[in-house]
């Protein structure tokens, strides 16, 4: 029996459970990927009032328990938080096989109009560090009404080396709609 690769999933801000937050997306990923990946999805601290330092600490704790070669996935605030984590901890991944791939899904690009929250923003130095982080994938649905598709386009302007996974009908929570392109891309790293 083949050993499953770890997939670390960092959820969105806001309430979790039921049809809230990233819960539905996690269920869809488990159904599609559960036979190939060991999905590790910790409950992040105070998701309705997130504090970036607490989130980065939880990400670090979770990542340190994952096997080498893990796939790191974040949704919404989780997607921007994993980027901050990687930018602030390059020794974890630089020149190592700690992660086989990074997936940031429906993540806000903090600093765009109406999204000016310095605590969650990447600094210019952090953006420069992440230019070396590969492979990196940004997934976003064009019909996302919470975090508009322009956020994904802005990430791609900053990270020309990154891959775009464009969804059409999945919305922000990816509860419904076709996410086949995302699933197929993750399966490359199984």
Protein backbone atom coordinates (compact mmCIF):
# COMPACT_ATOMS: atom_id res chain seq x y z
CA UNK A 1 0.00 0.00 0.00
CA UNK A 2 1.38 3.38 -1.01
CA UNK A 3 2.08 5.93 1.68
CA UNK A 4 -0.24 8.91 1.52
CA UNK A 5 1.29 12.36 1.22
CA UNK A 6 0.15 14.91 3.82
CA UNK A 7 -2.03 17.79 2.68
CA UNK A 8 -2.11 20.59 5.25
CA UNK A 9 -5.24 22.74 4.85
CA UNK A 10 -5.58 26.14 6.55
CA UNK A 11 -9.18 27.32 6.55
CA UNK A 12 -10.80 30.72 6.06
CA UNK A 13 -11.72 33.28 8.69
CA UNK A 14 -15.21 33.31 10.13
CA UNK A 15 -17.38 30.57 11.58
CA UNK A 16 -16.53 27.01 10.55
CA UNK A 17 -18.77 23.95 10.45
CA UNK A 18 -21.92 23.11 8.52
CA UNK A 19 -21.97 25.23 5.38
CA UNK A 20 -19.82 27.92 6.97
CA UNK A 21 -16.27 28.87 6.11
CA UNK A 22 -14.05 26.25 4.51
CA UNK A 23 -15.95 23.25 5.88
CA UNK A 24 -17.64 22.39 2.58
CA UNK A 25 -14.40 22.74 0.63
CA UNK A 26 -12.58 20.48 3.08
CA UNK A 27 -15.34 17.87 2.63
CA UNK A 28 -15.03 18.09 -1.15
CA UNK A 29 -11.25 17.73 -0.98
CA UNK A 30 -11.53 14.75 1.38
CA UNK A 31 -14.01 13.05 -0.98
CA UNK A 32 -11.84 13.65 -4.06
CA UNK A 33 -8.37 13.27 -2.55
CA UNK A 34 -8.76 11.20 0.62
CA UNK A 35 -7.43 8.01 -0.95
CA UNK A 36 -4.21 9.79 -2.01
CA UNK A 37 -3.65 12.32 0.78
CA UNK A 38 -3.77 12.43 4.56
CA UNK A 39 -5.68 15.71 4.97
CA UNK A 40 -4.68 17.68 8.06
CA UNK A 41 -7.06 20.58 8.70
CA UNK A 42 -6.57 22.18 12.12
CA UNK A 43 -9.13 24.54 13.59
CA UNK A 44 -7.39 27.90 13.57
CA UNK A 45 -7.45 30.10 16.69
CA UNK A 46 -10.41 32.48 17.04
CA UNK A 47 -11.46 32.28 13.36
CA UNK A 48 -14.13 34.94 13.86
CA UNK A 49 -11.52 37.38 15.21
CA UNK A 50 -8.28 36.18 13.63
CA UNK A 51 -4.94 37.35 14.93
CA UNK A 52 -2.12 36.80 12.44
CA UNK A 53 0.47 35.90 15.08
CA UNK A 54 -1.78 33.21 16.55
CA UNK A 55 -2.55 31.88 13.07
CA UNK A 56 1.12 31.80 12.06
CA UNK A 57 1.95 29.94 15.28
CA UNK A 58 -0.76 27.34 14.56
CA UNK A 59 0.43 26.96 10.97
CA UNK A 60 3.98 26.41 12.22
CA UNK A 61 2.84 23.81 14.74
CA UNK A 62 0.81 21.95 12.10
CA UNK A 63 3.48 22.11 9.41
CA UNK A 64 6.13 20.83 11.84
CA UNK A 65 4.04 17.68 12.36
CA UNK A 66 3.48 17.05 8.64
CA UNK A 67 5.70 14.72 6.67
CA UNK A 68 8.28 16.14 4.31
CA UNK A 69 6.90 16.72 0.83
CA UNK A 70 3.50 17.85 2.11
CA UNK A 71 1.14 19.92 0.00
CA UNK A 72 0.27 23.20 1.76
CA UNK A 73 -3.19 24.60 0.96
CA UNK A 74 -4.93 27.69 2.32
CA UNK A 75 -8.40 29.04 1.63
CA UNK A 76 -9.29 32.75 1.81
CA UNK A 77 -7.53 34.16 4.90
CA UNK A 78 -5.85 30.77 5.17
CA UNK A 79 -4.51 31.27 1.65
CA UNK A 80 -2.95 34.62 2.45
CA UNK A 81 -1.74 33.42 5.87
CA UNK A 82 0.24 30.52 4.41
CA UNK A 83 2.02 33.03 2.17
CA UNK A 84 2.95 35.15 5.18
CA UNK A 85 4.12 32.02 6.98
CA UNK A 86 6.32 30.94 4.07
CA UNK A 87 7.72 34.45 3.58
CA UNK A 88 8.66 34.76 7.25
CA UNK A 89 10.11 31.24 7.50
CA UNK A 90 12.06 30.64 4.28
CA UNK A 91 14.51 28.28 6.00
CA UNK A 92 11.66 25.77 6.28
CA UNK A 93 11.31 25.42 2.51
CA UNK A 94 14.29 27.02 0.80
CA UNK A 95 16.52 24.32 -0.65
CA UNK A 96 14.48 21.58 1.01
CA UNK A 97 11.65 19.26 0.04
CA UNK A 98 9.43 20.37 2.93
CA UNK A 99 6.57 21.13 0.56
CA UNK A 100 5.89 19.60 -2.82
CA UNK A 101 3.47 22.43 -3.71
CA UNK A 102 1.67 25.49 -2.36
CA UNK A 103 -1.99 26.26 -3.18
CA UNK A 104 -3.58 29.58 -2.23
CA UNK A 105 -7.33 29.44 -2.91
CA UNK A 106 -9.63 32.50 -3.11
CA UNK A 107 -7.14 34.50 -1.06
CA UNK A 108 -7.46 38.24 -0.60
CA UNK A 109 -4.52 40.36 -1.67
CA UNK A 110 -4.38 42.61 1.38
CA UNK A 111 -3.77 46.20 0.40
CA UNK A 112 -6.23 46.40 -2.49
CA UNK A 113 -9.11 48.86 -2.13
CA UNK A 114 -11.39 47.86 0.76
CA UNK A 115 -8.84 45.25 1.87
CA UNK A 116 -6.32 47.52 3.60
CA UNK A 117 -5.42 45.49 6.68
CA UNK A 118 -1.71 45.87 7.36
CA UNK A 119 -1.62 42.93 9.78
CA UNK A 120 -2.44 40.50 6.94
CA UNK A 121 -0.50 42.25 4.14
CA UNK A 122 2.69 40.94 2.61
CA UNK A 123 5.56 43.42 2.80
CA UNK A 124 7.72 44.12 -0.25
CA UNK A 125 10.50 42.06 1.36
CA UNK A 126 8.12 39.14 1.93
CA UNK A 127 7.00 39.29 -1.71
CA UNK A 128 10.67 39.17 -2.75
CA UNK A 129 11.28 36.09 -0.58
CA UNK A 130 8.28 34.30 -2.07
CA UNK A 131 9.57 34.80 -5.62
CA UNK A 132 11.79 31.78 -4.89
CA UNK A 133 8.96 29.61 -3.54
CA UNK A 134 7.98 27.07 -6.18
CA UNK A 135 5.70 25.48 -7.25
CA UNK A 136 3.03 27.94 -6.20
CA UNK A 137 -0.56 27.85 -7.44
CA UNK A 138 -3.29 30.49 -7.09
CA UNK A 139 -6.84 29.20 -7.48
CA UNK A 140 -9.83 31.51 -7.74
CA UNK A 141 -13.33 31.40 -9.18
CA UNK A 142 -14.32 34.24 -11.48
CA UNK A 143 -17.76 34.35 -9.83
CA UNK A 144 -16.34 34.95 -6.32
CA UNK A 145 -18.41 37.82 -4.90
CA UNK A 146 -16.57 38.05 -1.57
CA UNK A 147 -12.94 38.16 -2.71
CA UNK A 148 -13.10 39.33 -6.30
CA UNK A 149 -11.05 37.67 -9.03
CA UNK A 150 -8.87 40.81 -9.23
CA UNK A 151 -7.13 39.59 -6.05
CA UNK A 152 -5.87 36.51 -7.89
CA UNK A 153 -4.74 38.63 -10.81
CA UNK A 154 -2.81 40.87 -8.41
CA UNK A 155 -1.04 37.88 -6.86
CA UNK A 156 -0.05 36.71 -10.34
CA UNK A 157 1.37 40.15 -11.14
CA UNK A 158 3.62 39.80 -8.09
CA UNK A 159 4.48 36.13 -8.64
CA UNK A 160 4.99 35.62 -12.36
CA UNK A 161 6.36 32.12 -11.69
CA UNK A 162 3.06 31.01 -10.13
CA UNK A 163 0.39 28.96 -11.84
CA UNK A 164 -3.24 30.09 -12.07
CA UNK A 165 -6.15 27.70 -11.61
CA UNK A 166 -9.17 29.53 -12.93
CA UNK A 167 -12.56 28.24 -11.83
CA UNK A 168 -15.80 29.59 -13.26
CA UNK A 169 -18.70 28.55 -11.03
CA UNK A 170 -17.34 27.74 -7.57
CA UNK A 171 -17.93 31.05 -5.78
CA UNK A 172 -15.88 31.96 -2.74
CA UNK A 173 -16.53 28.95 -0.54
CA UNK A 174 -16.21 26.40 -3.38
CA UNK A 175 -19.27 24.61 -1.97
CA UNK A 176 -20.77 24.08 -5.41
CA UNK A 177 -19.57 24.36 -8.95
CA UNK A 178 -16.81 22.64 -10.81
CA UNK A 179 -13.49 22.37 -8.97
CA UNK A 180 -12.07 19.64 -11.23
CA UNK A 181 -9.14 21.83 -12.33
CA UNK A 182 -8.09 22.30 -8.70
CA UNK A 183 -8.44 18.60 -7.86
CA UNK A 184 -6.47 17.54 -10.94
CA UNK A 185 -3.66 19.98 -10.15
CA UNK A 186 -3.38 18.77 -6.53
CA UNK A 187 -3.35 15.14 -7.71
CA UNK A 188 -0.15 15.85 -9.64
CA UNK A 189 1.59 15.98 -6.25
CA UNK A 190 0.12 12.73 -4.83
